[in-house]
Amino acid sequence: MLKRTSLFQSAVVFRRMMNLWPPLWGQGIRIQYISPDFREVRTRLAFRWYNRNIVGTQFGGALFAMTDPFYAMMLMR
């Protein structure tokens, strides 16, 4: 089992773990890149039937979920 602090030792390990996190995985969100110093994060949100709103655009909650956890993580690091 990884310690909480050891998760931040490698950007690659952190990216892989976050891609398996159910709130992100369930919305179709993938983390494509995290810089080694955690100053840049690139994410992608797949446009699917379950994250589309009534007018056919991306649901705002999915957009928020795509960005929310990373700002705090970048500040902590």
PDB file of N, CA and C in Angstrom:
ATOM      1  N   MET A   1       0.844  -1.184   0.000  1.00  0.00           N
ATOM      2  CA  MET A   1       0.000   0.000   0.000  1.00  0.00           C
ATOM      3  C   MET A   1       0.880   1.235   0.000  1.00  0.00           C
ATOM      4  N   LEU A   2       0.571   2.173  -0.862  1.00  0.00           N
ATOM      5  CA  LEU A   2       1.345   3.399  -0.949  1.00  0.00           C
ATOM      6  C   LEU A   2       0.926   4.380   0.122  1.00  0.00           C
ATOM      7  N   LYS A   3       1.910   5.060   0.687  1.00  0.00           N
ATOM      8  CA  LYS A   3       1.597   6.130   1.615  1.00  0.00           C
ATOM      9  C   LYS A   3       1.079   7.323   0.830  1.00  0.00           C
ATOM     10  N   ARG A   4       0.373   8.193   1.522  1.00  0.00           N
ATOM     11  CA  ARG A   4      -0.162   9.379   0.849  1.00  0.00           C
ATOM     12  C   ARG A   4       0.971  10.246   0.292  1.00  0.00           C
ATOM     13  N   THR A   5       2.049  10.399   1.019  1.00  0.00           N
ATOM     14  CA  THR A   5       3.149  11.235   0.546  1.00  0.00           C
ATOM     15  C   THR A   5       3.918  10.585  -0.590  1.00  0.00           C
ATOM     16  N   SER A   6       3.955   9.258  -0.644  1.00  0.00           N
ATOM     17  CA  SER A   6       4.697   8.598  -1.704  1.00  0.00           C
ATOM     18  C   SER A   6       3.978   8.689  -3.044  1.00  0.00           C
ATOM     19  N   LEU A   7       2.684   8.987  -3.031  1.00  0.00           N
ATOM     20  CA  LEU A   7       1.941   9.151  -4.271  1.00  0.00           C
ATOM     21  C   LEU A   7       2.434  10.363  -5.043  1.00  0.00           C
ATOM     22  N   PHE A   8       2.913  11.372  -4.340  1.00  0.00           N
ATOM     23  CA  PHE A   8       3.383  12.595  -4.983  1.00  0.00           C
ATOM     24  C   PHE A   8       4.848  12.521  -5.399  1.00  0.00           C
ATOM     25  N   GLN A   9       5.518  11.422  -5.161  1.00  0.00           N
ATOM     26  CA  GLN A   9       6.931  11.323  -5.520  1.00  0.00           C
ATOM     27  C   GLN A   9       7.136  11.238  -7.022  1.00  0.00           C
ATOM     28  N   SER A  10       6.211  10.639  -7.724  1.00  0.00           N
ATOM     29  CA  SER A  10       6.333  10.467  -9.165  1.00  0.00           C
ATOM     30  C   SER A  10       5.055  10.941  -9.846  1.00  0.00           C
ATOM     31  N   ALA A  11       5.209  11.821 -10.820  1.00  0.00           N
ATOM     32  CA  ALA A  11       4.056  12.323 -11.568  1.00  0.00           C
ATOM     33  C   ALA A  11       3.409  11.212 -12.384  1.00  0.00           C
ATOM     34  N   VAL A  12       4.202  10.274 -12.868  1.00  0.00           N
ATOM     35  CA  VAL A  12       3.676   9.175 -13.677  1.00  0.00           C
ATOM     36  C   VAL A  12       2.786   8.266 -12.832  1.00  0.00           C
ATOM     37  N   VAL A  13       3.236   7.915 -11.634  1.00  0.00           N
ATOM     38  CA  VAL A  13       2.442   7.069 -10.741  1.00  0.00           C
ATOM     39  C   VAL A  13       1.168   7.795 -10.337  1.00  0.00           C
ATOM     40  N   PHE A  14       1.278   9.077 -10.016  1.00  0.00           N
ATOM     41  CA  PHE A  14       0.110   9.850  -9.622  1.00  0.00           C
ATOM     42  C   PHE A  14      -0.909   9.929 -10.760  1.00  0.00           C
ATOM     43  N   ARG A  15      -0.444  10.130 -11.973  1.00  0.00           N
ATOM     44  CA  ARG A  15      -1.344  10.190 -13.133  1.00  0.00           C
ATOM     45  C   ARG A  15      -2.080   8.863 -13.319  1.00  0.00           C
ATOM     46  N   ARG A  16      -1.364   7.765 -13.208  1.00  0.00           N
ATOM     47  CA  ARG A  16      -1.995   6.446 -13.377  1.00  0.00           C
ATOM     48  C   ARG A  16      -3.020   6.165 -12.287  1.00  0.00           C
ATOM     49  N   MET A  17      -2.693   6.541 -11.057  1.00  0.00           N
ATOM     50  CA  MET A  17      -3.628   6.330  -9.956  1.00  0.00           C
ATOM     51  C   MET A  17      -4.875   7.201 -10.115  1.00  0.00           C
ATOM     52  N   MET A  18      -4.706   8.446 -10.520  1.00  0.00           N
ATOM     53  CA  MET A  18      -5.842   9.348 -10.693  1.00  0.00           C
ATOM     54  C   MET A  18      -6.713   8.924 -11.872  1.00  0.00           C
ATOM     55  N   ASN A  19      -6.130   8.328 -12.899  1.00  0.00           N
ATOM     56  CA  ASN A  19      -6.933   7.850 -14.027  1.00  0.00           C
ATOM     57  C   ASN A  19      -7.835   6.680 -13.624  1.00  0.00           C
ATOM     58  N   LEU A  20      -7.518   6.006 -12.539  1.00  0.00           N
ATOM     59  CA  LEU A  20      -8.352   4.912 -12.044  1.00  0.00           C
ATOM     60  C   LEU A  20      -9.338   5.365 -10.980  1.00  0.00           C
ATOM     61  N   TRP A  21      -9.263   6.611 -10.552  1.00  0.00           N
ATOM     62  CA  TRP A  21     -10.147   7.128  -9.505  1.00  0.00           C
ATOM     63  C   TRP A  21     -11.574   7.188 -10.042  1.00  0.00           C
ATOM     64  N   PRO A  22     -12.544   6.547  -9.377  1.00  0.00           N
ATOM     65  CA  PRO A  22     -13.905   6.439  -9.921  1.00  0.00           C
ATOM     66  C   PRO A  22     -14.596   7.755 -10.304  1.00  0.00           C
ATOM     67  N   PRO A  23     -14.479   8.842  -9.541  1.00  0.00           N
ATOM     68  CA  PRO A  23     -15.156  10.068  -9.988  1.00  0.00           C
ATOM     69  C   PRO A  23     -14.649  10.584 -11.338  1.00  0.00           C
ATOM     70  N   LEU A  24     -13.379  10.429 -11.621  1.00  0.00           N
ATOM     71  CA  LEU A  24     -12.848  10.864 -12.914  1.00  0.00           C
ATOM     72  C   LEU A  24     -13.130   9.832 -13.992  1.00  0.00           C
ATOM     73  N   TRP A  25     -12.879   8.588 -13.676  1.00  0.00           N
ATOM     74  CA  TRP A  25     -13.077   7.518 -14.650  1.00  0.00           C
ATOM     75  C   TRP A  25     -14.542   7.431 -15.091  1.00  0.00           C
ATOM     76  N   GLY A  26     -15.467   7.593 -14.139  1.00  0.00           N
ATOM     77  CA  GLY A  26     -16.881   7.488 -14.448  1.00  0.00           C
ATOM     78  C   GLY A  26     -17.405   8.605 -15.341  1.00  0.00           C
ATOM     79  N   GLN A  27     -16.768   9.762 -15.321  1.00  0.00           N
ATOM     80  CA  GLN A  27     -17.185  10.881 -16.170  1.00  0.00           C
ATOM     81  C   GLN A  27     -16.502  10.859 -17.536  1.00  0.00           C
ATOM     82  N   GLY A  28     -15.563   9.956 -17.727  1.00  0.00           N
ATOM     83  CA  GLY A  28     -14.841   9.904 -18.995  1.00  0.00           C
ATOM     84  C   GLY A  28     -13.669  10.864 -19.038  1.00  0.00           C
ATOM     85  N   ILE A  29     -13.129  11.207 -17.862  1.00  0.00           N
ATOM     86  CA  ILE A  29     -12.015  12.152 -17.761  1.00  0.00           C
ATOM     87  C   ILE A  29     -10.712  11.365 -17.703  1.00  0.00           C
ATOM     88  N   ARG A  30      -9.748  11.769 -18.523  1.00  0.00           N
ATOM     89  CA  ARG A  30      -8.420  11.147 -18.526  1.00  0.00           C
ATOM     90  C   ARG A  30      -7.375  12.225 -18.297  1.00  0.00           C
ATOM     91  N   ILE A  31      -6.404  11.921 -17.479  1.00  0.00           N
ATOM     92  CA  ILE A  31      -5.263  12.808 -17.301  1.00  0.00           C
ATOM     93  C   ILE A  31      -4.237  12.389 -18.331  1.00  0.00           C
ATOM     94  N   GLN A  32      -3.888  13.309 -19.203  1.00  0.00           N
ATOM     95  CA  GLN A  32      -2.950  12.972 -20.267  1.00  0.00           C
ATOM     96  C   GLN A  32      -1.507  13.248 -19.880  1.00  0.00           C
ATOM     97  N   TYR A  33      -1.291  14.293 -19.095  1.00  0.00           N
ATOM     98  CA  TYR A  33       0.092  14.666 -18.794  1.00  0.00           C
ATOM     99  C   TYR A  33       0.144  15.402 -17.470  1.00  0.00           C
ATOM    100  N   ILE A  34       1.129  15.071 -16.655  1.00  0.00           N
ATOM    101  CA  ILE A  34       1.477  15.845 -15.465  1.00  0.00           C
ATOM    102  C   ILE A  34       2.978  16.068 -15.539  1.00  0.00           C
ATOM    103  N   SER A  35       3.400  17.314 -15.472  1.00  0.00           N
ATOM    104  CA  SER A  35       4.829  17.608 -15.548  1.00  0.00           C
ATOM    105  C   SER A  35       5.524  17.054 -14.304  1.00  0.00           C
ATOM    106  N   PRO A  36       6.803  16.724 -14.401  1.00  0.00           N
ATOM    107  CA  PRO A  36       7.518  16.146 -13.256  1.00  0.00           C
ATOM    108  C   PRO A  36       7.518  17.034 -12.010  1.00  0.00           C
ATOM    109  N   ASP A  37       7.416  18.349 -12.186  1.00  0.00           N
ATOM    110  CA  ASP A  37       7.381  19.246 -11.032  1.00  0.00           C
ATOM    111  C   ASP A  37       5.955  19.627 -10.629  1.00  0.00           C
ATOM    112  N   PHE A  38       4.957  18.995 -11.219  1.00  0.00           N
ATOM    113  CA  PHE A  38       3.536  19.178 -10.907  1.00  0.00           C
ATOM    114  C   PHE A  38       3.059  20.612 -11.169  1.00  0.00           C
ATOM    115  N   ARG A  39       3.658  21.310 -12.101  1.00  0.00           N
ATOM    116  CA  ARG A  39       3.222  22.669 -12.421  1.00  0.00           C
ATOM    117  C   ARG A  39       2.277  22.726 -13.607  1.00  0.00           C
ATOM    118  N   GLU A  40       2.145  21.628 -14.333  1.00  0.00           N
ATOM    119  CA  GLU A  40       1.257  21.588 -15.494  1.00  0.00           C
ATOM    120  C   GLU A  40       0.521  20.261 -15.514  1.00  0.00           C
ATOM    121  N   VAL A  41      -0.791  20.345 -15.733  1.00  0.00           N
ATOM    122  CA  VAL A  41      -1.632  19.155 -15.832  1.00  0.00           C
ATOM    123  C   VAL A  41      -2.515  19.314 -17.059  1.00  0.00           C
ATOM    124  N   ARG A  42      -2.556  18.293 -17.897  1.00  0.00           N
ATOM    125  CA  ARG A  42      -3.445  18.287 -19.066  1.00  0.00           C
ATOM    126  C   ARG A  42      -4.445  17.163 -18.907  1.00  0.00           C
ATOM    127  N   THR A  43      -5.719  17.520 -19.046  1.00  0.00           N
ATOM    128  CA  THR A  43      -6.782  16.536 -18.938  1.00  0.00           C
ATOM    129  C   THR A  43      -7.629  16.547 -20.201  1.00  0.00           C
ATOM    130  N   ARG A  44      -8.384  15.484 -20.389  1.00  0.00           N
ATOM    131  CA  ARG A  44      -9.280  15.375 -21.541  1.00  0.00           C
ATOM    132  C   ARG A  44     -10.598  14.793 -21.058  1.00  0.00           C
ATOM    133  N   LEU A  45     -11.673  15.380 -21.533  1.00  0.00           N
ATOM    134  CA  LEU A  45     -13.016  14.916 -21.194  1.00  0.00           C
ATOM    135  C   LEU A  45     -13.671  14.384 -22.451  1.00  0.00           C
ATOM    136  N   ALA A  46     -13.977  13.101 -22.444  1.00  0.00           N
ATOM    137  CA  ALA A  46     -14.631  12.478 -23.597  1.00  0.00           C
ATOM    138  C   ALA A  46     -16.088  12.939 -23.657  1.00  0.00           C
ATOM    139  N   PHE A  47     -16.558  13.240 -24.843  1.00  0.00           N
ATOM    140  CA  PHE A  47     -17.944  13.666 -25.041  1.00  0.00           C
ATOM    141  C   PHE A  47     -18.810  12.434 -25.236  1.00  0.00           C
ATOM    142  N   ARG A  48     -19.548  12.087 -24.198  1.00  0.00           N
ATOM    143  CA  ARG A  48     -20.368  10.882 -24.221  1.00  0.00           C
ATOM    144  C   ARG A  48     -21.815  11.225 -23.897  1.00  0.00           C
ATOM    145  N   TRP A  49     -22.706  10.285 -24.076  1.00  0.00           N
ATOM    146  CA  TRP A  49     -24.116  10.528 -23.823  1.00  0.00           C
ATOM    147  C   TRP A  49     -24.394  10.810 -22.355  1.00  0.00           C
ATOM    148  N   TYR A  50     -23.594  10.274 -21.443  1.00  0.00           N
ATOM    149  CA  TYR A  50     -23.855  10.447 -20.019  1.00  0.00           C
ATOM    150  C   TYR A  50     -23.223  11.700 -19.420  1.00  0.00           C
ATOM    151  N   ASN A  51     -22.418  12.440 -20.185  1.00  0.00           N
ATOM    152  CA  ASN A  51     -21.916  13.709 -19.662  1.00  0.00           C
ATOM    153  C   ASN A  51     -22.313  14.875 -20.573  1.00  0.00           C
ATOM    154  N   ARG A  52     -23.455  14.724 -21.203  1.00  0.00           N
ATOM    155  CA  ARG A  52     -23.997  15.745 -22.097  1.00  0.00           C
ATOM    156  C   ARG A  52     -25.244  16.326 -21.447  1.00  0.00           C
ATOM    157  N   ASN A  53     -25.454  17.627 -21.597  1.00  0.00           N
ATOM    158  CA  ASN A  53     -26.659  18.224 -21.023  1.00  0.00           C
ATOM    159  C   ASN A  53     -27.781  18.266 -22.052  1.00  0.00           C
ATOM    160  N   ILE A  54     -28.887  18.912 -21.717  1.00  0.00           N
ATOM    161  CA  ILE A  54     -30.088  18.866 -22.555  1.00  0.00           C
ATOM    162  C   ILE A  54     -29.914  19.572 -23.901  1.00  0.00           C
ATOM    163  N   VAL A  55     -28.995  20.533 -23.983  1.00  0.00           N
ATOM    164  CA  VAL A  55     -28.783  21.222 -25.258  1.00  0.00           C
ATOM    165  C   VAL A  55     -27.647  20.609 -26.072  1.00  0.00           C
ATOM    166  N   GLY A  56     -27.084  19.499 -25.591  1.00  0.00           N
ATOM    167  CA  GLY A  56     -26.081  18.764 -26.359  1.00  0.00           C
ATOM    168  C   GLY A  56     -24.649  19.225 -26.169  1.00  0.00           C
ATOM    169  N   THR A  57     -24.365  19.956 -25.099  1.00  0.00           N
ATOM    170  CA  THR A  57     -22.993  20.375 -24.812  1.00  0.00           C
ATOM    171  C   THR A  57     -22.503  19.671 -23.555  1.00  0.00           C
ATOM    172  N   GLN A  58     -21.228  19.855 -23.234  1.00  0.00           N
ATOM    173  CA  GLN A  58     -20.649  19.218 -22.050  1.00  0.00           C
ATOM    174  C   GLN A  58     -21.360  19.684 -20.787  1.00  0.00           C
ATOM    175  N   PHE A  59     -21.624  18.771 -19.899  1.00  0.00           N
ATOM    176  CA  PHE A  59     -22.242  19.062 -18.612  1.00  0.00           C
ATOM    177  C   PHE A  59     -21.241  19.820 -17.747  1.00  0.00           C
ATOM    178  N   GLY A  60     -21.695  20.903 -17.113  1.00  0.00           N
ATOM    179  CA  GLY A  60     -20.806  21.737 -16.310  1.00  0.00           C
ATOM    180  C   GLY A  60     -20.174  21.020 -15.141  1.00  0.00           C
ATOM    181  N   GLY A  61     -20.898  20.068 -14.538  1.00  0.00           N
ATOM    182  CA  GLY A  61     -20.335  19.307 -13.429  1.00  0.00           C
ATOM    183  C   GLY A  61     -19.150  18.460 -13.855  1.00  0.00           C
ATOM    184  N   ALA A  62     -19.200  17.930 -15.065  1.00  0.00           N
ATOM    185  CA  ALA A  62     -18.080  17.137 -15.580  1.00  0.00           C
ATOM    186  C   ALA A  62     -16.879  18.041 -15.851  1.00  0.00           C
ATOM    187  N   LEU A  63     -17.134  19.253 -16.346  1.00  0.00           N
ATOM    188  CA  LEU A  63     -16.041  20.198 -16.571  1.00  0.00           C
ATOM    189  C   LEU A  63     -15.393  20.595 -15.256  1.00  0.00           C
ATOM    190  N   PHE A  64     -16.206  20.807 -14.237  1.00  0.00           N
ATOM    191  CA  PHE A  64     -15.675  21.148 -12.920  1.00  0.00           C
ATOM    192  C   PHE A  64     -14.872  19.985 -12.347  1.00  0.00           C
ATOM    193  N   ALA A  65     -15.387  18.762 -12.473  1.00  0.00           N
ATOM    194  CA  ALA A  65     -14.682  17.584 -11.972  1.00  0.00           C
ATOM    195  C   ALA A  65     -13.350  17.380 -12.687  1.00  0.00           C
ATOM    196  N   MET A  66     -13.260  17.865 -13.915  1.00  0.00           N
ATOM    197  CA  MET A  66     -12.032  17.712 -14.694  1.00  0.00           C
ATOM    198  C   MET A  66     -10.934  18.639 -14.184  1.00  0.00           C
ATOM    199  N   THR A  67     -11.284  19.741 -13.550  1.00  0.00           N
ATOM    200  CA  THR A  67     -10.281  20.721 -13.138  1.00  0.00           C
ATOM    201  C   THR A  67     -10.118  20.835 -11.627  1.00  0.00           C
ATOM    202  N   ASP A  68     -11.132  20.530 -10.855  1.00  0.00           N
ATOM    203  CA  ASP A  68     -11.146  20.807  -9.420  1.00  0.00           C
ATOM    204  C   ASP A  68     -10.029  20.155  -8.614  1.00  0.00           C
ATOM    205  N   PRO A  69      -9.764  18.852  -8.712  1.00  0.00           N
ATOM    206  CA  PRO A  69      -8.777  18.259  -7.808  1.00  0.00           C
ATOM    207  C   PRO A  69      -7.336  18.660  -8.116  1.00  0.00           C
ATOM    208  N   PHE A  70      -7.076  19.161  -9.278  1.00  0.00           N
ATOM    209  CA  PHE A  70      -5.690  19.388  -9.682  1.00  0.00           C
ATOM    210  C   PHE A  70      -5.114  20.702  -9.199  1.00  0.00           C
ATOM    211  N   TYR A  71      -5.941  21.710  -9.027  1.00  0.00           N
ATOM    212  CA  TYR A  71      -5.427  22.981  -8.536  1.00  0.00           C
ATOM    213  C   TYR A  71      -4.871  22.815  -7.119  1.00  0.00           C
ATOM    214  N   ALA A  72      -5.608  22.142  -6.268  1.00  0.00           N
ATOM    215  CA  ALA A  72      -5.128  21.907  -4.896  1.00  0.00           C
ATOM    216  C   ALA A  72      -3.878  21.037  -4.890  1.00  0.00           C
ATOM    217  N   MET A  73      -3.867  20.010  -5.759  1.00  0.00           N
ATOM    218  CA  MET A  73      -2.706  19.127  -5.832  1.00  0.00           C
ATOM    219  C   MET A  73      -1.469  19.891  -6.276  1.00  0.00           C
ATOM    220  N   MET A  74      -1.638  20.798  -7.236  1.00  0.00           N
ATOM    221  CA  MET A  74      -0.506  21.583  -7.718  1.00  0.00           C
ATOM    222  C   MET A  74       0.002  22.523  -6.630  1.00  0.00           C
ATOM    223  N   LEU A  75      -0.894  23.087  -5.839  1.00  0.00           N
ATOM    224  CA  LEU A  75      -0.478  23.963  -4.746  1.00  0.00           C
ATOM    225  C   LEU A  75       0.198  23.185  -3.626  1.00  0.00           C
ATOM    226  N   MET A  76      -0.289  21.983  -3.337  1.00  0.00           N
ATOM    227  CA  MET A  76       0.326  21.162  -2.283  1.00  0.00           C
ATOM    228  C   MET A  76       1.728  20.745  -2.651  1.00  0.00           C
ATOM    229  N   ARG A  77       1.930  20.457  -3.890  1.00  0.00           N
ATOM    230  CA  ARG A  77       3.227  19.980  -4.360  1.00  0.00           C
ATOM    231  C   ARG A  77       4.205  21.121  -4.450  1.00  0.00           C
TER     232      ARG A  77
END
